[in-house]
C-alpha atoms as a PDB file:
ATOM      1  CA  MET A   1     213.322  59.911 -26.247  1.00  0.00           C
ATOM      2  CA  LEU A   2     214.593  63.329 -25.197  1.00  0.00           C
ATOM      3  CA  ARG A   3     217.535  61.646 -23.434  1.00  0.00           C
ATOM      4  CA  PHE A   4     218.761  60.435 -26.835  1.00  0.00           C
ATOM      5  CA  MET A   5     218.135  63.763 -28.547  1.00  0.00           C
ATOM      6  CA  GLY A   6     220.582  65.807 -26.517  1.00  0.00           C
ATOM      7  CA  ARG A   7     219.321  65.890 -22.937  1.00  0.00           C
ATOM      8  CA  SER A   8     221.885  63.256 -21.997  1.00  0.00           C
ATOM      9  CA  PRO A   9     225.060  63.318 -24.101  1.00  0.00           C
ATOM     10  CA  TYR A  10     226.027  59.910 -22.686  1.00  0.00           C
ATOM     11  CA  ALA A  11     222.766  58.324 -23.897  1.00  0.00           C
ATOM     12  CA  ALA A  12     223.045  59.945 -27.323  1.00  0.00           C
ATOM     13  CA  ALA A  13     226.659  58.794 -27.645  1.00  0.00           C
ATOM     14  CA  ALA A  14     225.789  55.226 -26.628  1.00  0.00           C
ATOM     15  CA  LEU A  15     222.952  55.036 -29.151  1.00  0.00           C
ATOM     16  CA  GLY A  16     224.965  56.660 -31.938  1.00  0.00           C
ATOM     17  CA  LEU A  17     228.037  54.540 -31.307  1.00  0.00           C
ATOM     18  CA  GLY A  18     225.936  51.377 -31.168  1.00  0.00           C
ATOM     19  CA  SER A  19     224.235  52.215 -34.453  1.00  0.00           C
ATOM     20  CA  LEU A  20     227.486  53.066 -36.217  1.00  0.00           C
ATOM     21  CA  LEU A  21     229.216  49.967 -34.894  1.00  0.00           C
ATOM     22  CA  GLY A  22     226.267  47.837 -36.003  1.00  0.00           C
ATOM     23  CA  LEU A  23     226.506  49.238 -39.530  1.00  0.00           C
ATOM     24  CA  ALA A  24     230.285  48.739 -39.500  1.00  0.00           C
ATOM     25  CA  THR A  25     229.776  45.124 -38.430  1.00  0.00           C
ATOM     26  CA  LEU A  26     227.352  44.522 -41.298  1.00  0.00           C
ATOM     27  CA  LEU A  27     229.777  46.089 -43.785  1.00  0.00           C
ATOM     28  CA  LEU A  28     232.704  44.048 -42.464  1.00  0.00           C
ATOM     29  CA  MET A  29     230.695  40.841 -42.701  1.00  0.00           C
ATOM     30  CA  ALA A  30     229.624  41.651 -46.271  1.00  0.00           C
ATOM     31  CA  VAL A  31     233.257  42.244 -47.261  1.00  0.00           C
ATOM     32  CA  TRP A  32     234.393  39.208 -45.259  1.00  0.00           C
ATOM     33  CA  ILE A  33     232.230  36.831 -47.326  1.00  0.00           C
ATOM     34  CA  HIS A  34     234.087  37.587 -50.558  1.00  0.00           C
ATOM     35  CA  ALA A  35     237.567  38.298 -49.177  1.00  0.00           C
ATOM     36  CA  PRO A  36     240.474  36.098 -50.276  1.00  0.00           C
ATOM     37  CA  ARG A  37     241.813  36.098 -46.675  1.00  0.00           C
ATOM     38  CA  PRO A  38     238.712  36.300 -44.441  1.00  0.00           C
ATOM     39  CA  ALA A  39     240.348  35.525 -41.071  1.00  0.00           C
ATOM     40  CA  PRO A  40     241.491  39.081 -40.198  1.00  0.00           C
ATOM     41  CA  LEU A  41     238.170  40.568 -41.283  1.00  0.00           C
ATOM     42  CA  ALA A  42     236.301  37.952 -39.266  1.00  0.00           C
ATOM     43  CA  ARG A  43     238.238  38.916 -36.141  1.00  0.00           C
ATOM     44  CA  VAL A  44     237.591  42.616 -36.663  1.00  0.00           C
ATOM     45  CA  ALA A  45     233.903  41.918 -37.346  1.00  0.00           C
ATOM     46  CA  GLY A  46     233.702  39.870 -34.143  1.00  0.00           C
ATOM     47  CA  VAL A  47     235.246  42.670 -32.099  1.00  0.00           C
ATOM     48  CA  ALA A  48     232.905  45.201 -33.731  1.00  0.00           C
ATOM     49  CA  LEU A  49     229.943  42.955 -32.918  1.00  0.00           C
ATOM     50  CA  VAL A  50     230.933  42.712 -29.247  1.00  0.00           C
ATOM     51  CA  LEU A  51     231.401  46.485 -29.063  1.00  0.00           C
ATOM     52  CA  THR A  52     227.984  46.944 -30.710  1.00  0.00           C
ATOM     53  CA  LEU A  53     226.400  44.761 -28.035  1.00  0.00           C
ATOM     54  CA  VAL A  54     228.118  46.711 -25.262  1.00  0.00           C
ATOM     55  CA  ALA A  55     226.977  50.048 -26.697  1.00  0.00           C
ATOM     56  CA  MET A  56     223.403  48.812 -27.091  1.00  0.00           C
ATOM     57  CA  ILE A  57     223.384  47.466 -23.535  1.00  0.00           C
ATOM     58  CA  LEU A  58     224.478  50.891 -22.300  1.00  0.00           C
ATOM     59  CA  ALA A  59     221.773  52.562 -24.407  1.00  0.00           C
ATOM     60  CA  ARG A  60     219.156  50.171 -22.988  1.00  0.00           C
ATOM     61  CA  ASP A  61     220.327  50.994 -19.476  1.00  0.00           C
ATOM     62  CA  GLU A  62     219.819  54.690 -20.216  1.00  0.00           C
ATOM     63  CA  ILE A  63     216.246  53.935 -21.315  1.00  0.00           C
ATOM     64  CA  ARG A  64     215.660  51.986 -18.104  1.00  0.00           C
ATOM     65  CA  GLN A  65     217.080  54.743 -15.929  1.00  0.00           C
ATOM     66  CA  GLY A  66     214.972  57.352 -17.714  1.00  0.00           C
ATOM     67  CA  MET A  67     211.782  55.359 -17.244  1.00  0.00           C
ATOM     68  CA  LEU A  68     212.536  54.719 -13.565  1.00  0.00           C
ATOM     69  CA  GLN A  69     213.322  58.399 -13.015  1.00  0.00           C
ATOM     70  CA  ARG A  70     210.101  59.376 -14.772  1.00  0.00           C
ATOM     71  CA  ALA A  71     208.119  57.028 -12.519  1.00  0.00           C
ATOM     72  CA  GLY A  72     209.697  58.549  -9.406  1.00  0.00           C
ATOM     73  CA  PHE A  73     211.670  55.466  -8.408  1.00  0.00           C
ATOM     74  CA  GLU A  74     214.565  56.144  -6.043  1.00  0.00           C
ATOM     75  CA  ILE A  75     217.536  53.818  -5.904  1.00  0.00           C
ATOM     76  CA  ASN A  76     218.271  52.246  -2.520  1.00  0.00           C
ATOM     77  CA  SER A  77     221.890  52.530  -1.489  1.00  0.00           C
ATOM     78  CA  TRP A  78     221.891  49.231   0.446  1.00  0.00           C
ATOM     79  CA  VAL A  79     220.280  45.863  -0.084  1.00  0.00           C
ATOM     80  CA  GLU A  80     220.049  43.473   2.866  1.00  0.00           C
ATOM     81  CA  PRO A  81     221.480  40.081   1.865  1.00  0.00           C
ATOM     82  CA  GLN A  82     219.536  36.935   2.758  1.00  0.00           C
ATOM     83  CA  TRP A  83     222.197  34.746   4.305  1.00  0.00           C
ATOM     84  CA  GLY A  84     220.008  31.634   4.657  1.00  0.00           C
ATOM     85  CA  PRO A  85     219.552  31.024   0.911  1.00  0.00           C
ATOM     86  CA  ILE A  86     223.171  32.022   0.248  1.00  0.00           C
ATOM     87  CA  THR A  87     224.387  29.449   2.799  1.00  0.00           C
ATOM     88  CA  LEU A  88     222.074  26.776   1.372  1.00  0.00           C
ATOM     89  CA  PHE A  89     223.346  27.513  -2.135  1.00  0.00           C
ATOM     90  CA  ALA A  90     226.986  27.272  -0.986  1.00  0.00           C
ATOM     91  CA  LEU A  91     226.365  23.956   0.800  1.00  0.00           C
ATOM     92  CA  LEU A  92     224.561  22.461  -2.195  1.00  0.00           C
ATOM     93  CA  LEU A  93     227.318  23.691  -4.514  1.00  0.00           C
ATOM     94  CA  VAL A  94     229.996  22.018  -2.392  1.00  0.00           C
ATOM     95  CA  ALA A  95     227.928  18.807  -2.180  1.00  0.00           C
ATOM     96  CA  SER A  96     227.371  18.711  -5.950  1.00  0.00           C
ATOM     97  CA  LEU A  97     231.061  19.320  -6.691  1.00  0.00           C
ATOM     98  CA  ALA A  98     232.011  16.577  -4.215  1.00  0.00           C
ATOM     99  CA  SER A  99     229.596  14.133  -5.864  1.00  0.00           C
ATOM    100  CA  ILE A 100     230.985  14.949  -9.307  1.00  0.00           C
ATOM    101  CA  VAL A 101     234.539  14.349  -8.083  1.00  0.00           C
ATOM    102  CA  TRP A 102     233.382  11.071  -6.497  1.00  0.00           C
ATOM    103  CA  MET A 103     231.766   9.944  -9.787  1.00  0.00           C
ATOM    104  CA  VAL A 104     234.893  10.797 -11.779  1.00  0.00           C
ATOM    105  CA  VAL A 105     237.081   8.837  -9.336  1.00  0.00           C
ATOM    106  CA  ILE A 106     234.789   5.796  -9.580  1.00  0.00           C
ATOM    107  CA  PHE A 107     234.770   6.065 -13.381  1.00  0.00           C
ATOM    108  CA  VAL A 108     238.564   6.238 -13.577  1.00  0.00           C
ATOM    109  CA  ARG A 109     238.989   3.263 -11.223  1.00  0.00           C
ATOM    110  CA  SER A 110     236.466   1.120 -13.099  1.00  0.00           C
ATOM    111  CA  ARG A 111     238.099   1.460 -16.515  1.00  0.00           C
ATOM    112  CA  PRO A 112     239.318  -1.878 -17.792  1.00  0.00           C
ATOM    113  CA  GLY A 113     243.025  -2.359 -18.407  1.00  0.00           C
ATOM    114  CA  PRO A 114     244.560  -2.740 -21.853  1.00  0.00           C
ATOM    115  CA  PRO A 115     243.419  -5.786 -23.828  1.00  0.00           C
ATOM    116  CA  GLY A 116     245.488  -8.946 -23.529  1.00  0.00           C
ATOM    117  CA  ARG A 117     245.946  -8.953 -19.786  1.00  0.00           C
END
């Protein structure tokens, strides 16, 4: 909680911005309901909603980092990739895409011609 109360200006800014953008989104949506031309307000409300989500995601990440730091967790600088599962995934992806293309080709070829032939 101290991170949001001034220990980390970034965390406090993310939480404050997210809260203000959330309130602005609610206000825009309330005005949007009764507006004679709601399309521009709907766009602005949508953008404000996306920005609210981004700010809240950043605030949640600050909480996560604070809890990990408090627990003494150190971040590893390198993660060893597991190439076997990655290769299997790539092969199965190629096989599934090939089978979908094959099914589409069969479907297109099996369509009956126009009536009257």
